[in-house]
Each structure stands twice: as C-alpha cells, then as structure tokens.
mmCIF file of all heavy atoms, coordinates in Angstrom:
data_MODEL
# 
_entry.id   MODEL 
# 
loop_
_atom_site.group_PDB 
_atom_site.id 
_atom_site.type_symbol 
_atom_site.label_atom_id 
_atom_site.label_alt_id 
_atom_site.label_comp_id 
_atom_site.label_asym_id 
_atom_site.label_entity_id 
_atom_site.label_seq_id 
_atom_site.pdbx_PDB_ins_code 
_atom_site.Cartn_x 
_atom_site.Cartn_y 
_atom_site.Cartn_z 
_atom_site.occupancy 
_atom_site.B_iso_or_equiv 
_atom_site.pdbx_formal_charge 
_atom_site.auth_seq_id 
_atom_site.auth_comp_id 
_atom_site.auth_asym_id 
_atom_site.auth_atom_id 
_atom_site.pdbx_PDB_model_num 
ATOM 1   N N   . PRO A 1 1  ? 10.514 23.014 -45.247 1.00 0.00 ? 1  PRO A N   1 
ATOM 2   C CA  . PRO A 1 1  ? 9.520  22.173 -45.758 1.00 0.00 ? 1  PRO A CA  1 
ATOM 3   C C   . PRO A 1 1  ? 9.746  21.808 -47.258 1.00 0.00 ? 1  PRO A C   1 
ATOM 4   O O   . PRO A 1 1  ? 10.500 22.562 -47.974 1.00 0.00 ? 1  PRO A O   1 
ATOM 5   C CB  . PRO A 1 1  ? 8.218  22.936 -45.687 1.00 0.00 ? 1  PRO A CB  1 
ATOM 6   C CG  . PRO A 1 1  ? 8.483  24.067 -44.710 1.00 0.00 ? 1  PRO A CG  1 
ATOM 7   C CD  . PRO A 1 1  ? 9.982  24.370 -44.899 1.00 0.00 ? 1  PRO A CD  1 
ATOM 8   N N   . ASN A 1 2  ? 9.333  20.713 -47.711 1.00 0.00 ? 2  ASN A N   1 
ATOM 9   C CA  . ASN A 1 2  ? 9.545  20.178 -49.062 1.00 0.00 ? 2  ASN A CA  1 
ATOM 10  C C   . ASN A 1 2  ? 8.219  19.912 -49.748 1.00 0.00 ? 2  ASN A C   1 
ATOM 11  O O   . ASN A 1 2  ? 7.508  18.987 -49.387 1.00 0.00 ? 2  ASN A O   1 
ATOM 12  C CB  . ASN A 1 2  ? 10.382 18.931 -49.051 1.00 0.00 ? 2  ASN A CB  1 
ATOM 13  C CG  . ASN A 1 2  ? 11.747 19.134 -48.417 1.00 0.00 ? 2  ASN A CG  1 
ATOM 14  O OD1 . ASN A 1 2  ? 12.726 19.513 -49.021 1.00 0.00 ? 2  ASN A OD1 1 
ATOM 15  N ND2 . ASN A 1 2  ? 11.799 18.863 -47.102 1.00 0.00 ? 2  ASN A ND2 1 
ATOM 16  N N   . ALA A 1 3  ? 7.838  20.739 -50.750 1.00 0.00 ? 3  ALA A N   1 
ATOM 17  C CA  . ALA A 1 3  ? 6.593  20.493 -51.430 1.00 0.00 ? 3  ALA A CA  1 
ATOM 18  C C   . ALA A 1 3  ? 6.714  19.262 -52.360 1.00 0.00 ? 3  ALA A C   1 
ATOM 19  O O   . ALA A 1 3  ? 7.653  19.165 -53.132 1.00 0.00 ? 3  ALA A O   1 
ATOM 20  C CB  . ALA A 1 3  ? 6.211  21.664 -52.290 1.00 0.00 ? 3  ALA A CB  1 
ATOM 21  N N   . ILE A 1 4  ? 5.752  18.325 -52.254 1.00 0.00 ? 4  ILE A N   1 
ATOM 22  C CA  . ILE A 1 4  ? 5.775  17.121 -53.076 1.00 0.00 ? 4  ILE A CA  1 
ATOM 23  C C   . ILE A 1 4  ? 4.375  16.761 -53.535 1.00 0.00 ? 4  ILE A C   1 
ATOM 24  O O   . ILE A 1 4  ? 3.354  17.290 -53.067 1.00 0.00 ? 4  ILE A O   1 
ATOM 25  C CB  . ILE A 1 4  ? 6.429  15.925 -52.343 1.00 0.00 ? 4  ILE A CB  1 
ATOM 26  C CG1 . ILE A 1 4  ? 5.489  15.449 -51.220 1.00 0.00 ? 4  ILE A CG1 1 
ATOM 27  C CG2 . ILE A 1 4  ? 7.789  16.229 -51.781 1.00 0.00 ? 4  ILE A CG2 1 
ATOM 28  C CD1 . ILE A 1 4  ? 5.779  14.038 -50.675 1.00 0.00 ? 4  ILE A CD1 1 
ATOM 29  N N   . SER A 1 5  ? 4.373  15.837 -54.496 1.00 0.00 ? 5  SER A N   1 
ATOM 30  C CA  . SER A 1 5  ? 3.056  15.150 -54.782 1.00 0.00 ? 5  SER A CA  1 
ATOM 31  C C   . SER A 1 5  ? 3.322  13.613 -54.841 1.00 0.00 ? 5  SER A C   1 
ATOM 32  O O   . SER A 1 5  ? 3.936  13.127 -55.761 1.00 0.00 ? 5  SER A O   1 
ATOM 33  C CB  . SER A 1 5  ? 2.508  15.599 -56.146 1.00 0.00 ? 5  SER A CB  1 
ATOM 34  O OG  . SER A 1 5  ? 1.458  14.794 -56.540 1.00 0.00 ? 5  SER A OG  1 
ATOM 35  N N   . ALA A 1 6  ? 2.938  12.907 -53.797 1.00 0.00 ? 6  ALA A N   1 
ATOM 36  C CA  . ALA A 1 6  ? 3.123  11.526 -53.694 1.00 0.00 ? 6  ALA A CA  1 
ATOM 37  C C   . ALA A 1 6  ? 2.414  10.838 -54.870 1.00 0.00 ? 6  ALA A C   1 
ATOM 38  O O   . ALA A 1 6  ? 2.881  9.827  -55.385 1.00 0.00 ? 6  ALA A O   1 
ATOM 39  C CB  . ALA A 1 6  ? 2.646  10.996 -52.360 1.00 0.00 ? 6  ALA A CB  1 
ATOM 40  N N   . ALA A 1 7  ? 1.192  11.256 -55.194 1.00 0.00 ? 7  ALA A N   1 
ATOM 41  C CA  . ALA A 1 7  ? 0.390  10.674 -56.238 1.00 0.00 ? 7  ALA A CA  1 
ATOM 42  C C   . ALA A 1 7  ? 1.088  10.818 -57.648 1.00 0.00 ? 7  ALA A C   1 
ATOM 43  O O   . ALA A 1 7  ? 1.042  9.878  -58.441 1.00 0.00 ? 7  ALA A O   1 
ATOM 44  C CB  . ALA A 1 7  ? -1.029 11.275 -56.301 1.00 0.00 ? 7  ALA A CB  1 
ATOM 45  N N   . HIS A 1 8  ? 1.738  11.906 -57.862 1.00 0.00 ? 8  HIS A N   1 
ATOM 46  C CA  . HIS A 1 8  ? 2.308  12.202 -59.202 1.00 0.00 ? 8  HIS A CA  1 
ATOM 47  C C   . HIS A 1 8  ? 3.839  12.084 -59.211 1.00 0.00 ? 8  HIS A C   1 
ATOM 48  O O   . HIS A 1 8  ? 4.460  12.059 -60.287 1.00 0.00 ? 8  HIS A O   1 
ATOM 49  C CB  . HIS A 1 8  ? 1.963  13.583 -59.711 1.00 0.00 ? 8  HIS A CB  1 
ATOM 50  C CG  . HIS A 1 8  ? 0.484  13.729 -59.887 1.00 0.00 ? 8  HIS A CG  1 
ATOM 51  N ND1 . HIS A 1 8  ? -0.427 14.072 -58.947 1.00 0.00 ? 8  HIS A ND1 1 
ATOM 52  C CD2 . HIS A 1 8  ? -0.319 13.584 -61.081 1.00 0.00 ? 8  HIS A CD2 1 
ATOM 53  C CE1 . HIS A 1 8  ? -1.613 14.154 -59.395 1.00 0.00 ? 8  HIS A CE1 1 
ATOM 54  N NE2 . HIS A 1 8  ? -1.527 13.845 -60.708 1.00 0.00 ? 8  HIS A NE2 1 
ATOM 55  N N   . GLY A 1 9  ? 4.443  11.898 -58.035 1.00 0.00 ? 9  GLY A N   1 
ATOM 56  C CA  . GLY A 1 9  ? 5.914  11.713 -57.992 1.00 0.00 ? 9  GLY A CA  1 
ATOM 57  C C   . GLY A 1 9  ? 6.746  12.990 -57.953 1.00 0.00 ? 9  GLY A C   1 
ATOM 58  O O   . GLY A 1 9  ? 7.946  12.907 -57.911 1.00 0.00 ? 9  GLY A O   1 
ATOM 59  N N   . GLU A 1 10 ? 6.003  14.195 -57.944 1.00 0.00 ? 10 GLU A N   1 
ATOM 60  C CA  . GLU A 1 10 ? 6.735  15.408 -57.978 1.00 0.00 ? 10 GLU A CA  1 
ATOM 61  C C   . GLU A 1 10 ? 7.487  15.706 -56.683 1.00 0.00 ? 10 GLU A C   1 
ATOM 62  O O   . GLU A 1 10 ? 6.891  15.656 -55.585 1.00 0.00 ? 10 GLU A O   1 
ATOM 63  C CB  . GLU A 1 10 ? 5.755  16.596 -58.305 1.00 0.00 ? 10 GLU A CB  1 
ATOM 64  C CG  . GLU A 1 10 ? 5.145  16.448 -59.635 1.00 0.00 ? 10 GLU A CG  1 
ATOM 65  C CD  . GLU A 1 10 ? 3.992  17.488 -59.837 1.00 0.00 ? 10 GLU A CD  1 
ATOM 66  O OE1 . GLU A 1 10 ? 3.838  18.312 -58.998 1.00 0.00 ? 10 GLU A OE1 1 
ATOM 67  O OE2 . GLU A 1 10 ? 3.179  17.322 -60.815 1.00 0.00 ? 10 GLU A OE2 1 
ATOM 68  N N   . GLY A 1 11 ? 8.778  15.972 -56.750 1.00 0.00 ? 11 GLY A N   1 
ATOM 69  C CA  . GLY A 1 11 ? 9.571  16.339 -55.576 1.00 0.00 ? 11 GLY A CA  1 
ATOM 70  C C   . GLY A 1 11 ? 10.002 15.209 -54.666 1.00 0.00 ? 11 GLY A C   1 
ATOM 71  O O   . GLY A 1 11 ? 10.703 15.439 -53.680 1.00 0.00 ? 11 GLY A O   1 
ATOM 72  N N   . VAL A 1 12 ? 9.469  13.994 -54.980 1.00 0.00 ? 12 VAL A N   1 
ATOM 73  C CA  . VAL A 1 12 ? 9.710  12.868 -54.082 1.00 0.00 ? 12 VAL A CA  1 
ATOM 74  C C   . VAL A 1 12 ? 11.237 12.428 -54.093 1.00 0.00 ? 12 VAL A C   1 
ATOM 75  O O   . VAL A 1 12 ? 11.835 12.157 -53.039 1.00 0.00 ? 12 VAL A O   1 
ATOM 76  C CB  . VAL A 1 12 ? 8.879  11.664 -54.467 1.00 0.00 ? 12 VAL A CB  1 
ATOM 77  C CG1 . VAL A 1 12 ? 9.224  10.422 -53.668 1.00 0.00 ? 12 VAL A CG1 1 
ATOM 78  C CG2 . VAL A 1 12 ? 7.375  11.973 -54.271 1.00 0.00 ? 12 VAL A CG2 1 
ATOM 79  N N   . ARG A 1 13 ? 11.764 12.420 -55.328 1.00 0.00 ? 13 ARG A N   1 
ATOM 80  C CA  . ARG A 1 13 ? 13.206 11.986 -55.360 1.00 0.00 ? 13 ARG A CA  1 
ATOM 81  C C   . ARG A 1 13 ? 14.126 12.984 -54.539 1.00 0.00 ? 13 ARG A C   1 
ATOM 82  O O   . ARG A 1 13 ? 14.973 12.568 -53.806 1.00 0.00 ? 13 ARG A O   1 
ATOM 83  C CB  . ARG A 1 13 ? 13.682 11.956 -56.843 1.00 0.00 ? 13 ARG A CB  1 
ATOM 84  C CG  . ARG A 1 13 ? 15.142 11.542 -56.987 1.00 0.00 ? 13 ARG A CG  1 
ATOM 85  C CD  . ARG A 1 13 ? 15.608 11.500 -58.405 1.00 0.00 ? 13 ARG A CD  1 
ATOM 86  N NE  . ARG A 1 13 ? 16.953 11.038 -58.470 1.00 0.00 ? 13 ARG A NE  1 
ATOM 87  C CZ  . ARG A 1 13 ? 17.387 9.804  -58.604 1.00 0.00 ? 13 ARG A CZ  1 
ATOM 88  N NH1 . ARG A 1 13 ? 16.456 8.850  -58.559 1.00 0.00 ? 13 ARG A NH1 1 
ATOM 89  N NH2 . ARG A 1 13 ? 18.648 9.513  -58.659 1.00 0.00 ? 13 ARG A NH2 1 
ATOM 90  N N   . GLY A 1 14 ? 13.883 14.271 -54.723 1.00 0.00 ? 14 GLY A N   1 
ATOM 91  C CA  . GLY A 1 14 ? 14.692 15.207 -53.939 1.00 0.00 ? 14 GLY A CA  1 
ATOM 92  C C   . GLY A 1 14 ? 14.489 15.085 -52.457 1.00 0.00 ? 14 GLY A C   1 
ATOM 93  O O   . GLY A 1 14 ? 15.457 15.231 -51.677 1.00 0.00 ? 14 GLY A O   1 
ATOM 94  N N   . LEU A 1 15 ? 13.290 14.775 -52.012 1.00 0.00 ? 15 LEU A N   1 
ATOM 95  C CA  . LEU A 1 15 ? 13.056 14.546 -50.569 1.00 0.00 ? 15 LEU A CA  1 
ATOM 96  C C   . LEU A 1 15 ? 13.816 13.308 -50.042 1.00 0.00 ? 15 LEU A C   1 
ATOM 97  O O   . LEU A 1 15 ? 14.434 13.405 -48.979 1.00 0.00 ? 15 LEU A O   1 
ATOM 98  C CB  . LEU A 1 15 ? 11.507 14.338 -50.404 1.00 0.00 ? 15 LEU A CB  1 
ATOM 99  C CG  . LEU A 1 15 ? 11.068 13.908 -48.966 1.00 0.00 ? 15 LEU A CG  1 
ATOM 100 C CD1 . LEU A 1 15 ? 11.290 15.084 -48.049 1.00 0.00 ? 15 LEU A CD1 1 
ATOM 101 C CD2 . LEU A 1 15 ? 9.586  13.499 -48.971 1.00 0.00 ? 15 LEU A CD2 1 
ATOM 102 N N   . VAL A 1 16 ? 13.753 12.239 -50.810 1.00 0.00 ? 16 VAL A N   1 
ATOM 103 C CA  . VAL A 1 16 ? 14.523 11.002 -50.384 1.00 0.00 ? 16 VAL A CA  1 
ATOM 104 C C   . VAL A 1 16 ? 16.046 11.293 -50.368 1.00 0.00 ? 16 VAL A C   1 
ATOM 105 O O   . VAL A 1 16 ? 16.760 10.760 -49.555 1.00 0.00 ? 16 VAL A O   1 
ATOM 106 C CB  . VAL A 1 16 ? 14.065 9.859  -51.257 1.00 0.00 ? 16 VAL A CB  1 
ATOM 107 C CG1 . VAL A 1 16 ? 14.845 8.610  -50.833 1.00 0.00 ? 16 VAL A CG1 1 
ATOM 108 C CG2 . VAL A 1 16 ? 12.608 9.554  -51.154 1.00 0.00 ? 16 VAL A CG2 1 
ATOM 109 N N   . GLU A 1 17 ? 16.486 12.026 -51.387 1.00 0.00 ? 17 GLU A N   1 
ATOM 110 C CA  . GLU A 1 17 ? 17.897 12.333 -51.411 1.00 0.00 ? 17 GLU A CA  1 
ATOM 111 C C   . GLU A 1 17 ? 18.347 13.089 -50.137 1.00 0.00 ? 17 GLU A C   1 
ATOM 112 O O   . GLU A 1 17 ? 19.389 12.813 -49.613 1.00 0.00 ? 17 GLU A O   1 
ATOM 113 C CB  . GLU A 1 17 ? 18.246 13.181 -52.649 1.00 0.00 ? 17 GLU A CB  1 
ATOM 114 C CG  . GLU A 1 17 ? 18.244 12.405 -53.957 1.00 0.00 ? 17 GLU A CG  1 
ATOM 115 C CD  . GLU A 1 17 ? 18.480 13.292 -55.145 1.00 0.00 ? 17 GLU A CD  1 
ATOM 116 O OE1 . GLU A 1 17 ? 18.341 14.570 -55.057 1.00 0.00 ? 17 GLU A OE1 1 
ATOM 117 O OE2 . GLU A 1 17 ? 18.734 12.761 -56.272 1.00 0.00 ? 17 GLU A OE2 1 
ATOM 118 N N   . LEU A 1 18 ? 17.488 14.016 -49.682 1.00 0.00 ? 18 LEU A N   1 
ATOM 119 C CA  . LEU A 1 18 ? 17.809 14.696 -48.447 1.00 0.00 ? 18 LEU A CA  1 
ATOM 120 C C   . LEU A 1 18 ? 17.860 13.778 -47.226 1.00 0.00 ? 18 LEU A C   1 
ATOM 121 O O   . LEU A 1 18 ? 18.713 13.826 -46.412 1.00 0.00 ? 18 LEU A O   1 
ATOM 122 C CB  . LEU A 1 18 ? 16.725 15.778 -48.216 1.00 0.00 ? 18 LEU A CB  1 
ATOM 123 C CG  . LEU A 1 18 ? 16.775 17.047 -48.998 1.00 0.00 ? 18 LEU A CG  1 
ATOM 124 C CD1 . LEU A 1 18 ? 15.600 17.950 -48.772 1.00 0.00 ? 18 LEU A CD1 1 
ATOM 125 C CD2 . LEU A 1 18 ? 18.098 17.815 -48.741 1.00 0.00 ? 18 LEU A CD2 1 
ATOM 126 N N   . ALA A 1 19 ? 16.817 12.837 -47.207 1.00 0.00 ? 19 ALA A N   1 
ATOM 127 C CA  . ALA A 1 19 ? 16.689 11.901 -46.085 1.00 0.00 ? 19 ALA A CA  1 
ATOM 128 C C   . ALA A 1 19 ? 17.928 10.957 -46.018 1.00 0.00 ? 19 ALA A C   1 
ATOM 129 O O   . ALA A 1 19 ? 18.328 10.520 -44.927 1.00 0.00 ? 19 ALA A O   1 
ATOM 130 C CB  . ALA A 1 19 ? 15.424 11.162 -46.156 1.00 0.00 ? 19 ALA A CB  1 
ATOM 131 N N   . LEU A 1 20 ? 18.477 10.636 -47.192 1.00 0.00 ? 20 LEU A N   1 
ATOM 132 C CA  . LEU A 1 20 ? 19.538 9.645  -47.216 1.00 0.00 ? 20 LEU A CA  1 
ATOM 133 C C   . LEU A 1 20 ? 20.966 10.286 -47.298 1.00 0.00 ? 20 LEU A C   1 
ATOM 134 O O   . LEU A 1 20 ? 22.018 9.551  -47.347 1.00 0.00 ? 20 LEU A O   1 
ATOM 135 C CB  . LEU A 1 20 ? 19.378 8.747  -48.450 1.00 0.00 ? 20 LEU A CB  1 
ATOM 136 C CG  . LEU A 1 20 ? 18.171 7.838  -48.443 1.00 0.00 ? 20 LEU A CG  1 
ATOM 137 C CD1 . LEU A 1 20 ? 18.082 7.038  -49.742 1.00 0.00 ? 20 LEU A CD1 1 
ATOM 138 C CD2 . LEU A 1 20 ? 18.149 6.901  -47.241 1.00 0.00 ? 20 LEU A CD2 1 
ATOM 139 N N   . GLU A 1 21 ? 20.974 11.634 -47.365 1.00 0.00 ? 21 GLU A N   1 
ATOM 140 C CA  . GLU A 1 21 ? 22.276 12.336 -47.630 1.00 0.00 ? 21 GLU A CA  1 
ATOM 141 C C   . GLU A 1 21 ? 23.285 11.980 -46.547 1.00 0.00 ? 21 GLU A C   1 
ATOM 142 O O   . GLU A 1 21 ? 24.498 11.874 -46.837 1.00 0.00 ? 21 GLU A O   1 
ATOM 143 C CB  . GLU A 1 21 ? 21.944 13.840 -47.566 1.00 0.00 ? 21 GLU A CB  1 
ATOM 144 C CG  . GLU A 1 21 ? 23.141 14.651 -48.105 1.00 0.00 ? 21 GLU A CG  1 
ATOM 145 C CD  . GLU A 1 21 ? 22.789 16.139 -48.178 1.00 0.00 ? 21 GLU A CD  1 
ATOM 146 O OE1 . GLU A 1 21 ? 21.864 16.584 -47.399 1.00 0.00 ? 21 GLU A OE1 1 
ATOM 147 O OE2 . GLU A 1 21 ? 23.367 16.792 -48.980 1.00 0.00 ? 21 GLU A OE2 1 
ATOM 148 N N   . ALA A 1 22 ? 22.893 11.772 -45.283 1.00 0.00 ? 22 ALA A N   1 
ATOM 149 C CA  . ALA A 1 22 ? 23.832 11.543 -44.254 1.00 0.00 ? 22 ALA A CA  1 
ATOM 150 C C   . ALA A 1 22 ? 24.329 10.051 -44.221 1.00 0.00 ? 22 ALA A C   1 
ATOM 151 O O   . ALA A 1 22 ? 25.255 9.764  -43.393 1.00 0.00 ? 22 ALA A O   1 
ATOM 152 C CB  . ALA A 1 22 ? 23.232 11.879 -42.891 1.00 0.00 ? 22 ALA A CB  1 
ATOM 153 N N   . PHE A 1 23 ? 23.803 9.171  -45.014 1.00 0.00 ? 23 PHE A N   1 
ATOM 154 C CA  . PHE A 1 23 ? 24.148 7.780  -44.905 1.00 0.00 ? 23 PHE A CA  1 
ATOM 155 C C   . PHE A 1 23 ? 25.094 7.440  -46.061 1.00 0.00 ? 23 PHE A C   1 
ATOM 156 O O   . PHE A 1 23 ? 24.946 7.859  -47.173 1.00 0.00 ? 23 PHE A O   1 
ATOM 157 C CB  . PHE A 1 23 ? 22.906 6.906  -45.060 1.00 0.00 ? 23 PHE A CB  1 
ATOM 158 C CG  . PHE A 1 23 ? 21.908 7.208  -43.917 1.00 0.00 ? 23 PHE A CG  1 
ATOM 159 C CD1 . PHE A 1 23 ? 20.781 7.968  -44.184 1.00 0.00 ? 23 PHE A CD1 1 
ATOM 160 C CD2 . PHE A 1 23 ? 22.133 6.690  -42.621 1.00 0.00 ? 23 PHE A CD2 1 
ATOM 161 C CE1 . PHE A 1 23 ? 19.915 8.278  -43.165 1.00 0.00 ? 23 PHE A CE1 1 
ATOM 162 C CE2 . PHE A 1 23 ? 21.237 7.032  -41.642 1.00 0.00 ? 23 PHE A CE2 1 
ATOM 163 C CZ  . PHE A 1 23 ? 20.140 7.816  -41.857 1.00 0.00 ? 23 PHE A CZ  1 
ATOM 164 N N   . PRO A 1 24 ? 26.156 6.666  -45.787 1.00 0.00 ? 24 PRO A N   1 
ATOM 165 C CA  . PRO A 1 24 ? 27.191 6.399  -46.765 1.00 0.00 ? 24 PRO A CA  1 
ATOM 166 C C   . PRO A 1 24 ? 26.756 5.414  -47.825 1.00 0.00 ? 24 PRO A C   1 
ATOM 167 O O   . PRO A 1 24 ? 25.697 4.692  -47.636 1.00 0.00 ? 24 PRO A O   1 
ATOM 168 C CB  . PRO A 1 24 ? 28.292 5.662  -45.939 1.00 0.00 ? 24 PRO A CB  1 
ATOM 169 C CG  . PRO A 1 24 ? 27.651 5.106  -44.808 1.00 0.00 ? 24 PRO A CG  1 
ATOM 170 C CD  . PRO A 1 24 ? 26.464 6.081  -44.483 1.00 0.00 ? 24 PRO A CD  1 
ATOM 171 N N   . GLU A 1 25 ? 27.402 5.402  -48.979 1.00 0.00 ? 25 GLU A N   1 
ATOM 172 C CA  . GLU A 1 25 ? 27.074 4.462  -49.955 1.00 0.00 ? 25 GLU A CA  1 
ATOM 173 C C   . GLU A 1 25 ? 27.426 2.997  -49.401 1.00 0.00 ? 25 GLU A C   1 
ATOM 174 O O   . GLU A 1 25 ? 28.344 2.886  -48.664 1.00 0.00 ? 25 GLU A O   1 
ATOM 175 C CB  . GLU A 1 25 ? 28.006 4.641  -51.237 1.00 0.00 ? 25 GLU A CB  1 
ATOM 176 C CG  . GLU A 1 25 ? 27.754 5.964  -51.915 1.00 0.00 ? 25 GLU A CG  1 
ATOM 177 C CD  . GLU A 1 25 ? 26.552 5.961  -52.831 1.00 0.00 ? 25 GLU A CD  1 
ATOM 178 O OE1 . GLU A 1 25 ? 26.039 4.809  -53.113 1.00 0.00 ? 25 GLU A OE1 1 
ATOM 179 O OE2 . GLU A 1 25 ? 26.023 7.030  -53.155 1.00 0.00 ? 25 GLU A OE2 1 
ATOM 180 N N   . PRO A 1 26 ? 26.599 1.978  -49.837 1.00 0.00 ? 26 PRO A N   1 
ATOM 181 C CA  . PRO A 1 26 ? 26.931 0.656  -49.376 1.00 0.00 ? 26 PRO A CA  1 
ATOM 182 C C   . PRO A 1 26 ? 28.215 0.125  -49.840 1.00 0.00 ? 26 PRO A C   1 
ATOM 183 O O   . PRO A 1 26 ? 28.666 0.450  -50.988 1.00 0.00 ? 26 PRO A O   1 
ATOM 184 C CB  . PRO A 1 26 ? 25.737 -0.217 -49.933 1.00 0.00 ? 26 PRO A CB  1 
ATOM 185 C CG  . PRO A 1 26 ? 25.237 0.593  -51.044 1.00 0.00 ? 26 PRO A CG  1 
ATOM 186 C CD  . PRO A 1 26 ? 25.434 2.065  -50.716 1.00 0.00 ? 26 PRO A CD  1 
ATOM 187 N N   . ASP A 1 27 ? 28.982 -0.598 -49.028 1.00 0.00 ? 27 ASP A N   1 
ATOM 188 C CA  . ASP A 1 27 ? 30.278 -1.168 -49.355 1.00 0.00 ? 27 ASP A CA  1 
ATOM 189 C C   . ASP A 1 27 ? 30.078 -2.482 -49.984 1.00 0.00 ? 27 ASP A C   1 
ATOM 190 O O   . ASP A 1 27 ? 29.787 -3.465 -49.254 1.00 0.00 ? 27 ASP A O   1 
ATOM 191 C CB  . ASP A 1 27 ? 31.166 -1.231 -48.163 1.00 0.00 ? 27 ASP A CB  1 
ATOM 192 C CG  . ASP A 1 27 ? 32.560 -1.683 -48.462 1.00 0.00 ? 27 ASP A CG  1 
ATOM 193 O OD1 . ASP A 1 27 ? 32.875 -1.920 -49.684 1.00 0.00 ? 27 ASP A OD1 1 
ATOM 194 O OD2 . ASP A 1 27 ? 33.416 -1.794 -47.510 1.00 0.00 ? 27 ASP A OD2 1 
# 
C-alpha cells in the first residue's frame, strides 16, 4: 500500500511514478 494525501499532494508523485514505471518514455 502507498500512503498519500490527495488534498495536500503528499506521496502522490511517488504513487504515479510506480504506476508509470513499466511504460517507456515517449519517442
């Protein structure tokens, strides 16, 4: 699990990094 605060932005960047980790950079 990933603790976040959507209202304050805490932990959100790390969560999205995890979700996008498997996808390549755009060419």
